[in-house]
Amino acid sequence: MASIFRKKTGQSPFDSVRSVFYEGKELYPNAGFREKDHIQICIRNPNCIKGFFLPRVMDEAFLKV
């Protein structure tokens, strides 16, 4: 919706967006955090991505916690 408005008004589109998602039960009363709170980002302009990494394979021989 915001992208349509920006286009109609002659503004350039957003390169990225982010949002907070509050999910799950409160960790404790008045904590301000819930069990599954998280932030998601969306990069709409691939030119903003300067690099990336590939997660390593888990080493099963390493000491388990």
Protein backbone atom coordinates (compact mmCIF):
# COMPACT_ATOMS: atom_id res chain seq x y z
CA MET A 1 0.00 0.00 0.00
CA ALA A 2 2.77 2.44 0.90
CA SER A 3 4.57 1.59 -2.34
CA ILE A 4 1.45 2.42 -4.38
CA PHE A 5 1.04 5.75 -2.56
CA ARG A 6 4.71 6.63 -3.07
CA LYS A 7 4.49 5.79 -6.78
CA LYS A 8 1.33 7.89 -7.25
CA THR A 9 2.92 10.85 -5.47
CA GLY A 10 6.17 10.64 -7.47
CA GLN A 11 8.31 9.43 -4.58
CA SER A 12 10.95 6.75 -4.97
CA PRO A 13 10.14 3.32 -3.54
CA PHE A 14 11.55 2.12 -0.23
CA ASP A 15 14.77 0.10 -0.52
CA SER A 16 13.95 -1.95 2.56
CA VAL A 17 11.30 -2.38 5.23
CA ARG A 18 11.35 -3.87 8.71
CA SER A 19 8.71 -4.72 11.24
CA VAL A 20 8.40 -6.13 14.76
CA PHE A 21 6.16 -9.12 15.37
CA TYR A 22 4.97 -9.70 18.94
CA GLU A 23 4.07 -13.34 19.45
CA GLY A 24 3.61 -15.84 22.25
CA LYS A 25 3.07 -15.50 25.97
CA GLU A 26 4.75 -12.81 28.06
CA LEU A 27 8.06 -14.04 29.49
CA TYR A 28 6.96 -12.66 32.85
CA PRO A 29 4.41 -10.00 33.91
CA ASN A 30 5.18 -6.57 32.40
CA ALA A 31 8.34 -7.91 30.72
CA GLY A 32 7.72 -6.21 27.41
CA PHE A 33 9.02 -9.34 25.67
CA ARG A 34 7.16 -12.43 24.57
CA GLU A 35 8.31 -15.97 23.84
CA LYS A 36 8.49 -15.59 20.07
CA ASP A 37 9.01 -11.86 19.46
CA HIS A 38 11.09 -11.23 16.36
CA ILE A 39 11.95 -8.68 13.71
CA GLN A 40 11.71 -9.34 10.00
CA ILE A 41 13.39 -7.35 7.26
CA CYS A 42 12.66 -7.25 3.55
CA ILE A 43 15.25 -5.91 1.13
CA ARG A 44 13.34 -4.71 -1.91
CA ASN A 45 16.37 -3.31 -3.73
CA PRO A 46 19.00 -6.02 -4.30
CA ASN A 47 21.65 -3.31 -4.81
CA CYS A 48 21.47 -2.72 -1.03
CA ILE A 49 22.88 -6.18 -0.33
CA LYS A 50 26.64 -5.80 0.07
CA GLY A 51 27.39 -9.40 1.00
CA PHE A 52 26.02 -12.57 2.53
CA PHE A 53 27.24 -15.64 4.38
CA LEU A 54 26.48 -19.31 4.18
CA PRO A 55 25.80 -21.05 7.50
CA ARG A 56 28.39 -23.67 8.37
CA VAL A 57 27.52 -27.34 8.65
CA MET A 58 27.18 -28.47 12.26
CA ASP A 59 30.24 -30.36 13.52
CA GLU A 60 28.80 -33.33 15.39
CA ALA A 61 32.25 -34.15 16.85
CA PHE A 62 32.33 -30.84 18.76
CA LEU A 63 31.38 -30.97 22.43
CA LYS A 64 27.65 -30.88 22.90
CA VAL A 65 26.22 -28.38 25.33
